[in-house]
Every structure is written in C-alpha cells, then in structure tokens.
Amino acid sequence: MPPVPLLLLDLDNTLVDRTGAFRQWARAFLPEIGAPDSDLEWLMDADDDGFANKMVLAEKIRDRYLLDASLEDILAEIRIGVIEHLRLDPLVACALEIAAKADWLPVIVTNGTQRQQEAKIRRCGLDRYVAGWIISEEAGLRKPDPRIFAEAARRAGRRLGGSWMVGDNPAADIGGATSAGIPSVWISRGRRWSEPRFAPTCTADNCLSAVYEVLAS
C-alpha cells in the first residue's frame, strides 16, 4: 500500500474562527470598560485579523481607554477571551473525519505561542480529529519557513512529498507551501488573491471545500 499522505492545516481562521472569537470577546470587553459599541471596528482593525503584535495591541488598548491594567494583564485577558469564545464548527470536524477516512493524516501547522495555540486545539476538541500538531514557538521554526513543514512530516513519520497544505494566510500558508514544494489550498474567506509572486494550487471558501479539493486531486 502507498504511504498515508499528510494533510497539513493552519489553525487560526482555517480550522477555528479566531477572528470571530476575537470579535465576540471585543463586544463583551467594550461595555466592561465603559467604551462605546461603535469602537468595535477600531478594535478589529487594531487586531489586524490576528496578525498585530499582541503587546502592541495591548498597549493601544491601554492608551486609548486610559486603563490602569498592565500590558501583561490586558494581553492575558485578550488571550483568555479568544479561547473562551472559540467553537469547533461541525463542518470542520466533518472535513477532518472525511480526510482521515480517505487515508490522509491531518496535522496542524501553526504559528504562535505553545500555550495559547495548544489551548485552542484542546478547547475546541481538535485533538480528537488530528494526528498531531507543530507550533512555531516550540519548534523554533515559523511559517513561511519551509523547514517547519518538513519538521511536521518528520514528526509524523511521513515524507513531505505528496503532502498538501491548507490555510488562509497568503504568505505564511501558501507562500510557505510553495517554498516547501508542496501543493496548497487557500481558504479565501471572501477575499481575492493578490500576491503576484506565487499562487495556491486551489482556492476554497472553507475547510470542508478545501478538503474536497485535496481529495479530488
């Protein structure tokens, strides 16, 4: 039998709706500090879809609302709030089950801190649907560095050849997969591809569609 291929998957905004969880946290946070609901979009912009430096984000929040809390306390509140509002979409669980039944090995490849990203995985129950995960802080490698994909394959006891990468971030996920020499599916989330240097093998609206693209290959 041929070896079981790897299905490498991003975590935030691919397997879980991190932006939606941040929005829910922000909606609850603003009235707690006496800020207007209209500031929600300011907070969303400051978060930059999760890519803003977290300490800089905490500093912006403290300075805008003149909070007495330390940056560490604000950062901890954001991180805890995001985790508390995360939910596993049943369609994502379905997609992972379909991939496993089709003899693919799902493995998460994510940037971030070990504690935060692993807490997200376990909070949503993703640990029941994937074979494992690799997190940039622990690995000492960060997407789009192609070595993190090779390391994920090594830890899974598989060859990287024949693997696919699924993710929503053009640079980290698709650019990384391109550098690693593996095909990819970009989860567009309603966006248009604009990066001229490389492109995904396929584009999908969500994780379930992305898995079907991989299986169809």
Protein backbone atom coordinates (compact mmCIF):
# COMPACT_ATOMS: atom_id res chain seq x y z
CA MET A 1 0.00 0.00 0.00
CA PRO A 2 1.23 3.57 -0.69
CA PRO A 3 2.17 5.63 2.39
CA VAL A 4 -0.58 7.70 4.01
CA PRO A 5 -0.11 11.31 2.80
CA LEU A 6 -0.11 14.30 5.12
CA LEU A 7 -2.83 16.92 5.17
CA LEU A 8 -1.18 19.94 6.78
CA LEU A 9 -3.61 22.51 8.14
CA ASP A 10 -3.32 26.00 9.54
CA LEU A 11 -5.18 26.64 12.82
CA ASP A 12 -6.42 30.24 13.12
CA ASN A 13 -9.14 31.15 10.62
CA THR A 14 -8.72 27.79 8.93
CA LEU A 15 -9.76 25.19 11.49
CA VAL A 16 -11.15 27.68 14.00
CA ASP A 17 -12.73 31.12 13.58
CA ARG A 18 -10.18 33.12 15.54
CA THR A 19 -11.38 36.46 14.15
CA GLY A 20 -14.96 35.67 15.12
CA ALA A 21 -13.85 34.72 18.63
CA PHE A 22 -11.91 37.98 18.96
CA ARG A 23 -14.99 39.91 17.81
CA GLN A 24 -17.14 38.23 20.45
CA TRP A 25 -14.57 38.98 23.14
CA ALA A 26 -14.37 42.62 21.99
CA ARG A 27 -18.16 43.02 22.12
CA ALA A 28 -18.13 41.90 25.77
CA PHE A 29 -14.99 43.87 26.66
CA LEU A 30 -16.10 47.32 25.46
CA PRO A 31 -19.06 47.75 27.85
CA GLU A 32 -16.93 46.44 30.73
CA ILE A 33 -14.58 49.41 30.36
CA GLY A 34 -17.33 51.90 29.54
CA ALA A 35 -16.37 52.22 25.87
CA PRO A 36 -18.97 52.74 23.13
CA ASP A 37 -20.10 49.83 20.96
CA SER A 38 -19.00 51.88 17.95
CA ASP A 39 -15.39 51.19 18.94
CA LEU A 40 -15.78 47.56 17.91
CA GLU A 41 -14.42 48.20 14.41
CA TRP A 42 -11.48 50.13 15.85
CA LEU A 43 -10.60 47.08 17.93
CA MET A 44 -10.99 44.78 14.94
CA ASP A 45 -8.70 47.00 12.86
CA ALA A 46 -6.14 47.16 15.67
CA ASP A 47 -6.15 43.36 15.89
CA ASP A 48 -5.43 43.14 12.14
CA ASP A 49 -7.08 39.74 11.74
CA GLY A 50 -4.85 38.34 14.48
CA PHE A 51 -1.57 39.45 12.90
CA ALA A 52 -0.96 42.53 15.04
CA ASN A 53 1.83 42.26 17.57
CA LYS A 54 -0.07 41.28 20.70
CA MET A 55 1.88 43.51 23.08
CA VAL A 56 1.44 46.47 20.72
CA LEU A 57 -2.29 45.70 20.58
CA ALA A 58 -2.48 45.66 24.39
CA GLU A 59 -0.64 48.98 24.51
CA LYS A 60 -3.04 50.56 22.01
CA ILE A 61 -5.99 49.41 24.10
CA ARG A 62 -4.48 50.69 27.34
CA ASP A 63 -3.60 54.08 25.86
CA ARG A 64 -6.92 54.61 24.08
CA TYR A 65 -9.02 53.83 27.15
CA LEU A 66 -6.58 55.09 29.80
CA LEU A 67 -6.63 51.76 31.61
CA ASP A 68 -4.69 51.17 34.81
CA ALA A 69 -4.11 47.49 34.00
CA SER A 70 -0.65 46.31 32.98
CA LEU A 71 0.04 45.31 29.38
CA GLU A 72 0.51 41.74 30.58
CA ASP A 73 -2.94 41.71 32.20
CA ILE A 74 -4.59 43.15 29.08
CA LEU A 75 -2.81 40.64 26.90
CA ALA A 76 -3.88 37.80 29.18
CA GLU A 77 -7.49 38.99 29.03
CA ILE A 78 -7.41 39.01 25.23
CA ARG A 79 -5.90 35.54 25.03
CA ILE A 80 -8.27 34.02 27.55
CA GLY A 81 -11.23 35.75 25.93
CA VAL A 82 -10.39 34.42 22.48
CA ILE A 83 -10.07 30.86 23.78
CA GLU A 84 -13.36 31.10 25.70
CA HIS A 85 -15.22 32.14 22.55
CA LEU A 86 -13.76 29.53 20.21
CA ARG A 87 -16.02 26.77 18.97
CA LEU A 88 -15.35 23.90 16.59
CA ASP A 89 -17.56 24.16 13.52
CA PRO A 90 -19.20 20.74 12.96
CA LEU A 91 -18.34 21.07 9.26
CA VAL A 92 -14.65 21.33 10.15
CA ALA A 93 -14.91 18.18 12.27
CA CYS A 94 -16.70 16.53 9.35
CA ALA A 95 -13.95 17.60 6.95
CA LEU A 96 -11.24 16.11 9.16
CA GLU A 97 -13.16 12.86 9.52
CA ILE A 98 -13.61 12.65 5.76
CA ALA A 99 -9.89 13.21 5.24
CA ALA A 100 -8.96 10.52 7.75
CA LYS A 101 -11.39 8.02 6.19
CA ALA A 102 -9.82 8.76 2.82
CA ASP A 103 -6.44 7.76 4.30
CA TRP A 104 -4.99 11.23 4.80
CA LEU A 105 -3.19 12.13 8.03
CA PRO A 106 -4.31 15.57 9.34
CA VAL A 107 -1.60 17.55 11.15
CA ILE A 108 -1.86 21.17 12.33
CA VAL A 109 0.98 23.57 11.44
CA THR A 110 0.55 26.89 13.24
CA ASN A 111 2.50 29.98 14.22
CA GLY A 112 2.08 31.28 17.76
CA THR A 113 2.92 30.53 21.36
CA GLN A 114 2.82 26.95 22.54
CA ARG A 115 0.47 27.59 25.45
CA GLN A 116 -2.07 29.66 23.50
CA GLN A 117 -2.24 27.53 20.37
CA GLU A 118 -2.38 24.24 22.22
CA ALA A 119 -5.14 25.64 24.45
CA LYS A 120 -7.15 26.49 21.33
CA ILE A 121 -6.67 23.00 19.92
CA ARG A 122 -7.77 21.28 23.12
CA ARG A 123 -10.56 23.75 23.90
CA CYS A 124 -12.24 23.00 20.57
CA GLY A 125 -11.57 19.28 20.72
CA LEU A 126 -9.42 19.36 17.61
CA ASP A 127 -7.02 16.98 19.31
CA ARG A 128 -9.62 14.25 18.69
CA TYR A 129 -9.56 14.84 14.93
CA VAL A 130 -5.89 15.34 14.08
CA ALA A 131 -2.83 13.14 14.34
CA GLY A 132 -0.77 15.90 15.90
CA TRP A 133 0.42 19.48 15.64
CA ILE A 134 3.53 21.59 15.41
CA ILE A 135 3.64 25.10 16.89
CA SER A 136 6.25 27.65 15.86
CA GLU A 137 7.36 28.68 19.35
CA GLU A 138 8.16 25.12 20.39
CA ALA A 139 9.61 24.11 17.03
CA GLY A 140 11.84 27.16 16.70
CA LEU A 141 10.57 27.48 13.14
CA ARG A 142 7.87 29.76 11.79
CA LYS A 143 5.78 29.71 8.63
CA PRO A 144 6.57 30.51 5.83
CA ASP A 145 9.93 28.86 6.57
CA PRO A 146 9.67 25.61 4.58
CA ARG A 147 11.55 23.76 7.31
CA ILE A 148 8.51 23.79 9.59
CA PHE A 149 6.59 21.72 7.04
CA ALA A 150 9.48 19.28 6.74
CA GLU A 151 9.65 19.05 10.53
CA ALA A 152 5.91 18.37 10.72
CA ALA A 153 6.36 15.50 8.28
CA ARG A 154 9.36 14.15 10.20
CA ARG A 155 7.45 14.14 13.48
CA ALA A 156 4.53 12.38 11.83
CA GLY A 157 6.87 9.73 10.42
CA ARG A 158 5.95 10.65 6.85
CA ARG A 159 7.65 12.11 3.80
CA LEU A 160 6.75 15.66 2.87
CA GLY A 161 6.33 14.66 -0.76
CA GLY A 162 2.66 14.05 -1.54
CA SER A 163 1.51 16.36 1.28
CA TRP A 164 -0.89 19.27 0.86
CA MET A 165 -1.15 22.49 2.87
CA VAL A 166 -4.48 24.18 3.67
CA GLY A 167 -4.56 27.69 5.10
CA ASP A 168 -5.96 31.20 4.89
CA ASN A 169 -2.77 33.27 5.05
CA PRO A 170 -1.24 34.01 1.64
CA ALA A 171 2.33 34.49 2.85
CA ALA A 172 2.59 32.05 5.74
CA ASP A 173 0.49 29.19 4.40
CA ILE A 174 0.57 29.42 0.62
CA GLY A 175 3.98 31.05 0.33
CA GLY A 176 5.37 28.53 2.79
CA ALA A 177 3.88 25.60 0.90
CA THR A 178 5.28 26.97 -2.35
CA SER A 179 8.76 27.22 -0.80
CA ALA A 180 8.40 23.69 0.55
CA GLY A 181 7.45 22.39 -2.90
CA ILE A 182 4.01 21.09 -1.95
CA PRO A 183 0.57 21.97 -3.37
CA SER A 184 -1.83 24.11 -1.37
CA VAL A 185 -5.43 25.18 -0.93
CA TRP A 186 -6.08 28.79 0.01
CA ILE A 187 -9.17 29.46 2.11
CA SER A 188 -10.21 32.79 0.66
CA ARG A 189 -12.76 33.94 3.30
CA GLY A 190 -14.32 36.17 0.65
CA ARG A 191 -11.04 37.73 -0.47
CA ARG A 192 -9.38 37.85 -3.88
CA TRP A 193 -5.87 36.55 -4.43
CA SER A 194 -3.48 39.48 -4.97
CA GLU A 195 0.02 38.07 -4.42
CA PRO A 196 1.90 38.07 -7.77
CA ARG A 197 4.93 36.02 -6.67
CA PHE A 198 3.11 32.73 -6.09
CA ALA A 199 -0.38 31.28 -6.08
CA PRO A 200 -2.28 28.42 -4.43
CA THR A 201 -2.93 25.22 -6.31
CA CYS A 202 -6.64 25.57 -5.48
CA THR A 203 -8.92 28.05 -3.75
CA ALA A 204 -11.83 27.17 -1.45
CA ASP A 205 -14.40 29.05 0.62
CA ASN A 206 -13.99 26.97 3.77
CA CYS A 207 -12.21 23.99 5.30
CA LEU A 208 -14.73 21.41 4.09
CA SER A 209 -14.43 22.63 0.50
CA ALA A 210 -10.65 22.68 0.86
CA VAL A 211 -10.59 19.03 1.91
CA TYR A 212 -12.72 18.09 -1.09
CA GLU A 213 -10.25 19.92 -3.33
CA VAL A 214 -7.41 17.86 -1.88
CA LEU A 215 -9.29 14.58 -2.22
CA ALA A 216 -10.24 15.43 -5.80
CA SER A 217 -6.55 15.80 -6.59
